[in-house]
Amino acid sequence: MKRLVLVLSLIASPLFAVQPDEVLDDPVLEERARDLSTGLRCLVCRNESIDESNADLARDLRLLVRERLVAGDTDEEAIAFIVDRYGEYVLLKPTVTGSNLMLWLAGPIMLLIAAVMGWSFLRKRSQVQAEGEKDTLSEAEQERLRQILKD
């Protein structure tokens, strides 16, 4: 049973996304291409790398990466070429510069604002409760309340 599950998981896994005709003859270049492919987003599947995706566009991007490496580009130049062509969305881990900086900082800033607002609310609430404890009913008010509750 365990073997069947293992075989089925291997068949269903994206390990076989890279086709044999895509693989480069030079193992060093192929390793670089695989490393770069794991950091690039499939524009069809969105949450998969092009290395994992079976989409036609992912195949085209894998071939493009390999072409750039064979042409002599460095890893950075190959990635820059693809980002220039498809935009920064193609990166699975976007850069932390420029307009993306606001996106990276928005979460922590919102968390900080929410923490300050929560602390302020709780502090004011405890002050109101402390002041409310000082206000007690007079004897006449207590007697009137008892009469109302009896009726």
C-alpha atoms as a PDB file:
ATOM      1  CA  MET A   1       0.000   0.000   0.000  1.00  0.00           C
ATOM      2  CA  LYS A   2       2.836   2.406   0.892  1.00  0.00           C
ATOM      3  CA  ARG A   3       4.532   1.708  -2.423  1.00  0.00           C
ATOM      4  CA  LEU A   4       1.336   2.449  -4.305  1.00  0.00           C
ATOM      5  CA  VAL A   5       0.989   5.793  -2.520  1.00  0.00           C
ATOM      6  CA  LEU A   6       4.631   6.589  -3.248  1.00  0.00           C
ATOM      7  CA  VAL A   7       4.257   5.734  -6.941  1.00  0.00           C
ATOM      8  CA  LEU A   8       1.045   7.775  -7.222  1.00  0.00           C
ATOM      9  CA  SER A   9       2.608  10.760  -5.478  1.00  0.00           C
ATOM     10  CA  LEU A  10       5.603  10.653  -7.820  1.00  0.00           C
ATOM     11  CA  ILE A  11       3.343  10.470 -10.848  1.00  0.00           C
ATOM     12  CA  ALA A  12       1.238  13.395  -9.630  1.00  0.00           C
ATOM     13  CA  SER A  13       4.218  15.480  -8.547  1.00  0.00           C
ATOM     14  CA  PRO A  14       5.674  18.199 -10.738  1.00  0.00           C
ATOM     15  CA  LEU A  15       9.095  16.520 -10.840  1.00  0.00           C
ATOM     16  CA  PHE A  16       8.595  15.683 -14.479  1.00  0.00           C
ATOM     17  CA  ALA A  17       7.743  19.190 -15.697  1.00  0.00           C
ATOM     18  CA  VAL A  18      11.114  19.637 -17.396  1.00  0.00           C
ATOM     19  CA  GLN A  19      11.000  17.672 -20.627  1.00  0.00           C
ATOM     20  CA  PRO A  20      14.016  15.630 -21.755  1.00  0.00           C
ATOM     21  CA  ASP A  21      14.448  17.768 -24.874  1.00  0.00           C
ATOM     22  CA  GLU A  22      14.875  20.858 -22.656  1.00  0.00           C
ATOM     23  CA  VAL A  23      17.793  19.472 -20.652  1.00  0.00           C
ATOM     24  CA  LEU A  24      21.170  20.950 -21.534  1.00  0.00           C
ATOM     25  CA  ASP A  25      24.141  18.727 -22.307  1.00  0.00           C
ATOM     26  CA  ASP A  26      26.391  20.652 -19.922  1.00  0.00           C
ATOM     27  CA  PRO A  27      25.485  19.556 -16.348  1.00  0.00           C
ATOM     28  CA  VAL A  28      26.819  22.809 -14.840  1.00  0.00           C
ATOM     29  CA  LEU A  29      24.623  24.954 -17.102  1.00  0.00           C
ATOM     30  CA  GLU A  30      21.668  22.644 -16.486  1.00  0.00           C
ATOM     31  CA  GLU A  31      22.098  23.000 -12.729  1.00  0.00           C
ATOM     32  CA  ARG A  32      22.202  26.788 -13.073  1.00  0.00           C
ATOM     33  CA  ALA A  33      19.089  26.700 -15.261  1.00  0.00           C
ATOM     34  CA  ARG A  34      17.242  24.562 -12.704  1.00  0.00           C
ATOM     35  CA  ASP A  35      18.254  26.933  -9.895  1.00  0.00           C
ATOM     36  CA  LEU A  36      17.020  29.953 -11.853  1.00  0.00           C
ATOM     37  CA  SER A  37      13.816  28.169 -12.861  1.00  0.00           C
ATOM     38  CA  THR A  38      12.849  27.507  -9.253  1.00  0.00           C
ATOM     39  CA  GLY A  39      12.826  31.270  -8.586  1.00  0.00           C
ATOM     40  CA  LEU A  40      10.636  32.218 -11.561  1.00  0.00           C
ATOM     41  CA  ARG A  41       6.836  32.164 -11.380  1.00  0.00           C
ATOM     42  CA  CYS A  42       4.719  30.434 -13.987  1.00  0.00           C
ATOM     43  CA  LEU A  43       2.475  33.195 -15.298  1.00  0.00           C
ATOM     44  CA  VAL A  44      -0.303  30.676 -15.986  1.00  0.00           C
ATOM     45  CA  CYS A  45      -0.230  28.681 -12.736  1.00  0.00           C
ATOM     46  CA  ARG A  46       0.747  31.672 -10.590  1.00  0.00           C
ATOM     47  CA  ASN A  47       1.880  29.809  -7.458  1.00  0.00           C
ATOM     48  CA  GLU A  48       4.228  27.370  -9.136  1.00  0.00           C
ATOM     49  CA  SER A  49       7.700  27.891 -10.388  1.00  0.00           C
ATOM     50  CA  ILE A  50       8.373  27.358 -14.069  1.00  0.00           C
ATOM     51  CA  ASP A  51      10.432  24.344 -13.029  1.00  0.00           C
ATOM     52  CA  GLU A  52       7.310  22.698 -11.568  1.00  0.00           C
ATOM     53  CA  SER A  53       4.717  23.792 -14.115  1.00  0.00           C
ATOM     54  CA  ASN A  54       3.592  21.851 -17.163  1.00  0.00           C
ATOM     55  CA  ALA A  55       2.099  24.922 -18.860  1.00  0.00           C
ATOM     56  CA  ASP A  56       3.306  25.842 -22.347  1.00  0.00           C
ATOM     57  CA  LEU A  57       4.376  29.303 -21.202  1.00  0.00           C
ATOM     58  CA  ALA A  58       6.443  27.759 -18.389  1.00  0.00           C
ATOM     59  CA  ARG A  59       8.148  25.546 -20.978  1.00  0.00           C
ATOM     60  CA  ASP A  60       8.888  28.617 -23.103  1.00  0.00           C
ATOM     61  CA  LEU A  61      10.370  30.396 -20.085  1.00  0.00           C
ATOM     62  CA  ARG A  62      12.510  27.364 -19.200  1.00  0.00           C
ATOM     63  CA  LEU A  63      13.817  27.290 -22.769  1.00  0.00           C
ATOM     64  CA  LEU A  64      14.456  31.036 -22.659  1.00  0.00           C
ATOM     65  CA  VAL A  65      16.484  30.680 -19.441  1.00  0.00           C
ATOM     66  CA  ARG A  66      18.547  27.931 -21.022  1.00  0.00           C
ATOM     67  CA  GLU A  67      19.078  29.977 -24.201  1.00  0.00           C
ATOM     68  CA  ARG A  68      20.348  32.935 -22.178  1.00  0.00           C
ATOM     69  CA  LEU A  69      22.741  30.736 -20.196  1.00  0.00           C
ATOM     70  CA  VAL A  70      24.073  29.071 -23.351  1.00  0.00           C
ATOM     71  CA  ALA A  71      24.550  32.558 -24.843  1.00  0.00           C
ATOM     72  CA  GLY A  72      26.902  33.317 -21.949  1.00  0.00           C
ATOM     73  CA  ASP A  73      24.670  35.392 -19.653  1.00  0.00           C
ATOM     74  CA  THR A  74      25.313  35.351 -15.924  1.00  0.00           C
ATOM     75  CA  ASP A  75      22.482  34.293 -13.627  1.00  0.00           C
ATOM     76  CA  GLU A  76      21.690  37.938 -12.884  1.00  0.00           C
ATOM     77  CA  GLU A  77      21.668  38.889 -16.560  1.00  0.00           C
ATOM     78  CA  ALA A  78      19.340  36.001 -17.442  1.00  0.00           C
ATOM     79  CA  ILE A  79      16.917  36.944 -14.654  1.00  0.00           C
ATOM     80  CA  ALA A  80      17.115  40.633 -15.619  1.00  0.00           C
ATOM     81  CA  PHE A  81      16.297  39.741 -19.233  1.00  0.00           C
ATOM     82  CA  ILE A  82      13.189  37.815 -18.192  1.00  0.00           C
ATOM     83  CA  VAL A  83      12.100  40.496 -15.694  1.00  0.00           C
ATOM     84  CA  ASP A  84      12.499  43.179 -18.378  1.00  0.00           C
ATOM     85  CA  ARG A  85      10.338  41.138 -20.704  1.00  0.00           C
ATOM     86  CA  TYR A  86       7.618  39.916 -18.290  1.00  0.00           C
ATOM     87  CA  GLY A  87       7.820  42.304 -15.329  1.00  0.00           C
ATOM     88  CA  GLU A  88       8.730  41.732 -11.701  1.00  0.00           C
ATOM     89  CA  TYR A  89       5.648  39.585 -11.210  1.00  0.00           C
ATOM     90  CA  VAL A  90       7.586  36.709 -12.768  1.00  0.00           C
ATOM     91  CA  LEU A  91       9.816  36.555  -9.663  1.00  0.00           C
ATOM     92  CA  LEU A  92       8.545  34.231  -6.938  1.00  0.00           C
ATOM     93  CA  LYS A  93      10.380  36.375  -4.388  1.00  0.00           C
ATOM     94  CA  PRO A  94      10.075  40.020  -5.476  1.00  0.00           C
ATOM     95  CA  THR A  95      12.790  42.525  -4.707  1.00  0.00           C
ATOM     96  CA  VAL A  96      12.596  44.738  -1.620  1.00  0.00           C
ATOM     97  CA  THR A  97      13.281  47.986  -3.459  1.00  0.00           C
ATOM     98  CA  GLY A  98      11.332  50.720  -5.193  1.00  0.00           C
ATOM     99  CA  SER A  99       7.573  50.385  -5.288  1.00  0.00           C
ATOM    100  CA  ASN A 100       7.741  46.899  -3.761  1.00  0.00           C
ATOM    101  CA  LEU A 101       9.183  48.371  -0.589  1.00  0.00           C
ATOM    102  CA  MET A 102       5.750  49.745   0.326  1.00  0.00           C
ATOM    103  CA  LEU A 103       4.236  46.273  -0.131  1.00  0.00           C
ATOM    104  CA  TRP A 104       6.883  44.702   2.084  1.00  0.00           C
ATOM    105  CA  LEU A 105       6.402  47.340   4.797  1.00  0.00           C
ATOM    106  CA  ALA A 106       2.589  47.543   4.662  1.00  0.00           C
ATOM    107  CA  GLY A 107       2.019  44.382   6.733  1.00  0.00           C
ATOM    108  CA  PRO A 108       4.279  45.256   9.656  1.00  0.00           C
ATOM    109  CA  ILE A 109       3.062  48.873   9.658  1.00  0.00           C
ATOM    110  CA  MET A 110      -0.581  47.771   9.787  1.00  0.00           C
ATOM    111  CA  LEU A 111       0.227  45.333  12.594  1.00  0.00           C
ATOM    112  CA  LEU A 112       1.921  48.113  14.553  1.00  0.00           C
ATOM    113  CA  ILE A 113      -1.042  50.460  14.018  1.00  0.00           C
ATOM    114  CA  ALA A 114      -3.482  47.753  15.132  1.00  0.00           C
ATOM    115  CA  ALA A 115      -1.391  47.023  18.253  1.00  0.00           C
ATOM    116  CA  VAL A 116      -1.298  50.721  19.211  1.00  0.00           C
ATOM    117  CA  MET A 117      -5.050  51.087  18.655  1.00  0.00           C
ATOM    118  CA  GLY A 118      -5.765  47.929  20.687  1.00  0.00           C
ATOM    119  CA  TRP A 119      -3.526  49.063  23.535  1.00  0.00           C
ATOM    120  CA  SER A 120      -5.163  52.500  23.503  1.00  0.00           C
ATOM    121  CA  PHE A 121      -8.658  50.998  23.528  1.00  0.00           C
ATOM    122  CA  LEU A 122      -7.865  48.672  26.432  1.00  0.00           C
ATOM    123  CA  ARG A 123      -6.236  51.469  28.403  1.00  0.00           C
ATOM    124  CA  LYS A 124      -9.228  53.803  27.980  1.00  0.00           C
ATOM    125  CA  ARG A 125     -11.610  50.972  28.803  1.00  0.00           C
ATOM    126  CA  SER A 126      -9.839  50.201  32.074  1.00  0.00           C
ATOM    127  CA  GLN A 127      -9.877  53.902  33.002  1.00  0.00           C
ATOM    128  CA  VAL A 128     -13.617  54.141  32.343  1.00  0.00           C
ATOM    129  CA  GLN A 129     -14.262  51.037  34.442  1.00  0.00           C
ATOM    130  CA  ALA A 130     -12.156  52.438  37.294  1.00  0.00           C
ATOM    131  CA  GLU A 131     -14.094  55.715  37.197  1.00  0.00           C
ATOM    132  CA  GLY A 132     -17.387  53.813  37.051  1.00  0.00           C
ATOM    133  CA  GLU A 133     -16.596  51.984  40.264  1.00  0.00           C
ATOM    134  CA  LYS A 134     -16.426  55.324  42.112  1.00  0.00           C
ATOM    135  CA  ASP A 135     -19.957  56.226  41.048  1.00  0.00           C
ATOM    136  CA  THR A 136     -22.251  54.402  43.434  1.00  0.00           C
ATOM    137  CA  LEU A 137     -25.933  54.875  43.934  1.00  0.00           C
ATOM    138  CA  SER A 138     -27.174  56.906  46.828  1.00  0.00           C
ATOM    139  CA  GLU A 139     -29.500  55.318  49.384  1.00  0.00           C
ATOM    140  CA  ALA A 140     -32.538  56.945  47.765  1.00  0.00           C
ATOM    141  CA  GLU A 141     -31.508  55.695  44.304  1.00  0.00           C
ATOM    142  CA  GLN A 142     -30.948  52.184  45.617  1.00  0.00           C
ATOM    143  CA  GLU A 143     -34.377  52.157  47.275  1.00  0.00           C
ATOM    144  CA  ARG A 144     -36.043  53.394  44.052  1.00  0.00           C
ATOM    145  CA  LEU A 145     -34.210  50.668  42.068  1.00  0.00           C
ATOM    146  CA  ARG A 146     -35.473  47.998  44.497  1.00  0.00           C
ATOM    147  CA  GLN A 147     -39.040  49.246  44.058  1.00  0.00           C
ATOM    148  CA  ILE A 148     -38.751  49.166  40.274  1.00  0.00           C
ATOM    149  CA  LEU A 149     -37.356  45.650  40.318  1.00  0.00           C
ATOM    150  CA  LYS A 150     -40.166  44.404  42.600  1.00  0.00           C
ATOM    151  CA  ASP A 151     -42.831  45.638  40.204  1.00  0.00           C
END
